[in-house]
Amino acid sequence: MIKLFINSYKELDNKILNIMKKGFKFSFAICMISVLLLLTYLFINANIYIYQIGIMLFQLALFYGISFIICGIVVDGIKKNNI
């Protein structure tokens, strides 16, 4: 199963791969903002809303990262008429 995923990743079109990489960078930026908010809550002991916002942003970053993976593979499959 993992070999299938790695092979499908290696065979992606360059345009789709570039979009996926930019999406990962965007997702990573959101993840870093959430980590900063969670560290702020940890060390400054701010109110609970900072913690909730940090957790929600972390979930959003994970959702975006996984969405870019799935959508990239599906769009490449549609483009190559595999799906």
N, C-alpha and C. Protein backbone atom coordinates (compact mmCIF):
# COMPACT_ATOMS: atom_id res chain seq x y z
N MET A 1 0.83 -1.20 0.00
CA MET A 1 0.00 0.00 0.00
C MET A 1 0.87 1.26 0.00
N ILE A 2 1.93 1.22 0.80
CA ILE A 2 2.80 2.38 0.87
C ILE A 2 3.58 2.53 -0.43
N LYS A 3 3.99 1.40 -1.03
CA LYS A 3 4.69 1.47 -2.32
C LYS A 3 3.79 2.08 -3.40
N LEU A 4 2.52 1.74 -3.37
CA LEU A 4 1.57 2.29 -4.33
C LEU A 4 1.46 3.81 -4.16
N PHE A 5 1.42 4.26 -2.92
CA PHE A 5 1.33 5.70 -2.66
C PHE A 5 2.61 6.40 -3.11
N ILE A 6 3.77 5.81 -2.82
CA ILE A 6 5.04 6.43 -3.21
C ILE A 6 5.17 6.47 -4.73
N ASN A 7 4.77 5.40 -5.41
CA ASN A 7 4.84 5.38 -6.87
C ASN A 7 3.89 6.40 -7.49
N SER A 8 2.70 6.55 -6.93
CA SER A 8 1.76 7.54 -7.47
C SER A 8 2.28 8.95 -7.22
N TYR A 9 2.99 9.16 -6.13
CA TYR A 9 3.57 10.48 -5.85
C TYR A 9 4.70 10.79 -6.82
N LYS A 10 5.51 9.79 -7.15
CA LYS A 10 6.62 10.00 -8.07
C LYS A 10 6.15 10.26 -9.49
N GLU A 11 4.97 9.76 -9.87
CA GLU A 11 4.48 9.89 -11.24
C GLU A 11 3.56 11.10 -11.43
N LEU A 12 3.48 11.99 -10.45
CA LEU A 12 2.61 13.15 -10.57
C LEU A 12 3.14 14.12 -11.62
N ASP A 13 2.22 14.85 -12.21
CA ASP A 13 2.56 15.89 -13.17
C ASP A 13 3.28 17.03 -12.44
N ASN A 14 4.19 17.71 -13.13
CA ASN A 14 4.98 18.77 -12.49
C ASN A 14 4.12 19.93 -11.99
N LYS A 15 3.10 20.31 -12.75
CA LYS A 15 2.24 21.41 -12.32
C LYS A 15 1.49 21.05 -11.05
N ILE A 16 0.98 19.84 -11.01
CA ILE A 16 0.24 19.39 -9.83
C ILE A 16 1.18 19.27 -8.64
N LEU A 17 2.38 18.79 -8.88
CA LEU A 17 3.37 18.65 -7.81
C LEU A 17 3.76 20.02 -7.24
N ASN A 18 3.89 21.02 -8.11
CA ASN A 18 4.21 22.38 -7.63
C ASN A 18 3.07 22.94 -6.79
N ILE A 19 1.84 22.72 -7.21
CA ILE A 19 0.69 23.19 -6.43
C ILE A 19 0.64 22.49 -5.09
N MET A 20 0.94 21.20 -5.09
CA MET A 20 0.95 20.46 -3.83
C MET A 20 2.04 20.97 -2.89
N LYS A 21 3.22 21.28 -3.43
CA LYS A 21 4.31 21.79 -2.60
C LYS A 21 3.96 23.16 -2.00
N LYS A 22 3.33 24.01 -2.81
CA LYS A 22 2.90 25.32 -2.28
C LYS A 22 1.83 25.14 -1.22
N GLY A 23 0.96 24.18 -1.41
CA GLY A 23 -0.07 23.89 -0.42
C GLY A 23 0.52 23.38 0.88
N PHE A 24 1.58 22.54 0.78
CA PHE A 24 2.26 22.07 1.97
C PHE A 24 2.92 23.22 2.72
N LYS A 25 3.51 24.15 1.97
CA LYS A 25 4.14 25.30 2.61
C LYS A 25 3.09 26.15 3.33
N PHE A 26 1.93 26.33 2.70
CA PHE A 26 0.85 27.08 3.33
C PHE A 26 0.37 26.36 4.59
N SER A 27 0.22 25.06 4.50
CA SER A 27 -0.21 24.27 5.65
C SER A 27 0.83 24.33 6.77
N PHE A 28 2.11 24.28 6.40
CA PHE A 28 3.17 24.38 7.40
C PHE A 28 3.16 25.74 8.08
N ALA A 29 2.89 26.80 7.33
CA ALA A 29 2.83 28.14 7.92
C ALA A 29 1.70 28.23 8.94
N ILE A 30 0.55 27.69 8.61
CA ILE A 30 -0.57 27.68 9.55
C ILE A 30 -0.22 26.86 10.78
N CYS A 31 0.47 25.75 10.57
CA CYS A 31 0.88 24.89 11.68
C CYS A 31 1.85 25.63 12.61
N MET A 32 2.76 26.39 12.06
CA MET A 32 3.71 27.14 12.89
C MET A 32 3.01 28.24 13.68
N ILE A 33 2.01 28.87 13.09
CA ILE A 33 1.25 29.88 13.82
C ILE A 33 0.53 29.23 14.99
N SER A 34 -0.03 28.04 14.76
CA SER A 34 -0.73 27.36 15.84
C SER A 34 0.24 26.94 16.94
N VAL A 35 1.44 26.51 16.57
CA VAL A 35 2.44 26.13 17.57
C VAL A 35 2.84 27.35 18.39
N LEU A 36 3.00 28.50 17.74
CA LEU A 36 3.32 29.72 18.48
C LEU A 36 2.22 30.10 19.46
N LEU A 37 0.98 29.96 19.03
CA LEU A 37 -0.13 30.25 19.94
C LEU A 37 -0.16 29.28 21.11
N LEU A 38 0.09 28.01 20.85
CA LEU A 38 0.09 27.03 21.93
C LEU A 38 1.27 27.24 22.88
N LEU A 39 2.42 27.65 22.36
CA LEU A 39 3.55 27.97 23.23
C LEU A 39 3.27 29.22 24.06
N THR A 40 2.57 30.18 23.46
CA THR A 40 2.16 31.37 24.20
C THR A 40 1.25 30.99 25.36
N TYR A 41 0.33 30.09 25.11
CA TYR A 41 -0.56 29.64 26.17
C TYR A 41 0.22 28.90 27.25
N LEU A 42 1.20 28.10 26.83
CA LEU A 42 1.96 27.29 27.78
C LEU A 42 2.84 28.14 28.69
N PHE A 43 3.56 29.11 28.12
CA PHE A 43 4.53 29.85 28.91
C PHE A 43 3.96 31.11 29.56
N ILE A 44 3.00 31.75 28.93
CA ILE A 44 2.45 32.98 29.50
C ILE A 44 1.21 32.68 30.33
N ASN A 45 0.63 31.51 30.13
CA ASN A 45 -0.59 31.10 30.82
C ASN A 45 -1.73 32.09 30.53
N ALA A 46 -1.93 32.33 29.25
CA ALA A 46 -3.00 33.23 28.79
C ALA A 46 -4.34 32.53 28.97
N ASN A 47 -5.40 33.20 28.54
CA ASN A 47 -6.72 32.61 28.72
C ASN A 47 -6.94 31.41 27.80
N ILE A 48 -8.01 30.70 28.03
CA ILE A 48 -8.29 29.44 27.35
C ILE A 48 -8.58 29.63 25.86
N TYR A 49 -8.97 30.82 25.45
CA TYR A 49 -9.29 31.06 24.04
C TYR A 49 -8.05 30.94 23.15
N ILE A 50 -6.90 31.33 23.68
CA ILE A 50 -5.65 31.17 22.92
C ILE A 50 -5.40 29.69 22.66
N TYR A 51 -5.63 28.86 23.67
CA TYR A 51 -5.44 27.42 23.52
C TYR A 51 -6.40 26.86 22.48
N GLN A 52 -7.66 27.24 22.55
CA GLN A 52 -8.67 26.75 21.61
C GLN A 52 -8.34 27.17 20.18
N ILE A 53 -7.92 28.40 20.00
CA ILE A 53 -7.55 28.89 18.66
C ILE A 53 -6.34 28.13 18.14
N GLY A 54 -5.36 27.87 19.00
CA GLY A 54 -4.18 27.12 18.60
C GLY A 54 -4.52 25.71 18.16
N ILE A 55 -5.38 25.04 18.91
CA ILE A 55 -5.79 23.68 18.55
C ILE A 55 -6.58 23.67 17.25
N MET A 56 -7.48 24.64 17.08
CA MET A 56 -8.26 24.70 15.85
C MET A 56 -7.37 24.98 14.63
N LEU A 57 -6.39 25.86 14.78
CA LEU A 57 -5.47 26.13 13.67
C LEU A 57 -4.62 24.91 13.34
N PHE A 58 -4.23 24.14 14.36
CA PHE A 58 -3.46 22.93 14.11
C PHE A 58 -4.31 21.91 13.35
N GLN A 59 -5.56 21.75 13.73
CA GLN A 59 -6.46 20.85 13.01
C GLN A 59 -6.67 21.32 11.58
N LEU A 60 -6.80 22.62 11.39
CA LEU A 60 -6.98 23.18 10.06
C LEU A 60 -5.74 22.92 9.18
N ALA A 61 -4.56 23.07 9.76
CA ALA A 61 -3.33 22.82 9.00
C ALA A 61 -3.24 21.36 8.58
N LEU A 62 -3.58 20.45 9.48
CA LEU A 62 -3.56 19.03 9.12
C LEU A 62 -4.59 18.73 8.03
N PHE A 63 -5.76 19.33 8.15
CA PHE A 63 -6.81 19.13 7.15
C PHE A 63 -6.36 19.63 5.78
N TYR A 64 -5.75 20.81 5.74
CA TYR A 64 -5.27 21.35 4.46
C TYR A 64 -4.17 20.47 3.86
N GLY A 65 -3.24 20.02 4.69
CA GLY A 65 -2.16 19.17 4.18
C GLY A 65 -2.68 17.88 3.58
N ILE A 66 -3.59 17.23 4.26
CA ILE A 66 -4.16 15.98 3.75
C ILE A 66 -5.03 16.26 2.52
N SER A 67 -5.72 17.37 2.51
CA SER A 67 -6.55 17.72 1.35
C SER A 67 -5.71 17.93 0.11
N PHE A 68 -4.56 18.59 0.27
CA PHE A 68 -3.69 18.79 -0.89
C PHE A 68 -3.14 17.47 -1.41
N ILE A 69 -2.84 16.54 -0.53
CA ILE A 69 -2.37 15.22 -0.98
C ILE A 69 -3.46 14.50 -1.77
N ILE A 70 -4.65 14.41 -1.18
CA ILE A 70 -5.74 13.68 -1.82
C ILE A 70 -6.16 14.33 -3.12
N CYS A 71 -6.33 15.65 -3.09
CA CYS A 71 -6.78 16.35 -4.31
C CYS A 71 -5.73 16.28 -5.41
N GLY A 72 -4.46 16.35 -5.06
CA GLY A 72 -3.41 16.24 -6.07
C GLY A 72 -3.41 14.90 -6.76
N ILE A 73 -3.56 13.83 -5.98
CA ILE A 73 -3.58 12.49 -6.56
C ILE A 73 -4.83 12.29 -7.41
N VAL A 74 -5.97 12.77 -6.94
CA VAL A 74 -7.22 12.61 -7.70
C VAL A 74 -7.19 13.42 -8.99
N VAL A 75 -6.72 14.65 -8.93
CA VAL A 75 -6.66 15.48 -10.15
C VAL A 75 -5.68 14.88 -11.15
N ASP A 76 -4.57 14.34 -10.67
CA ASP A 76 -3.63 13.70 -11.58
C ASP A 76 -4.26 12.44 -12.20
N GLY A 77 -5.01 11.70 -11.41
CA GLY A 77 -5.68 10.51 -11.94
C GLY A 77 -6.74 10.88 -12.97
N ILE A 78 -7.47 11.94 -12.75
CA ILE A 78 -8.47 12.39 -13.72
C ILE A 78 -7.77 12.88 -14.98
N LYS A 79 -6.67 13.61 -14.82
CA LYS A 79 -5.94 14.13 -15.98
C LYS A 79 -5.38 13.01 -16.84
N LYS A 80 -4.93 11.92 -16.20
CA LYS A 80 -4.38 10.79 -16.95
C LYS A 80 -5.45 9.74 -17.27
N ASN A 81 -6.70 10.02 -16.96
CA ASN A 81 -7.84 9.13 -17.21
C ASN A 81 -7.69 7.79 -16.52
N ASN A 82 -7.11 7.78 -15.33
CA ASN A 82 -7.03 6.56 -14.54
C ASN A 82 -8.26 6.36 -13.67
N ILE A 83 -8.94 7.43 -13.39
CA ILE A 83 -10.11 7.35 -12.52
C ILE A 83 -11.37 7.53 -13.36
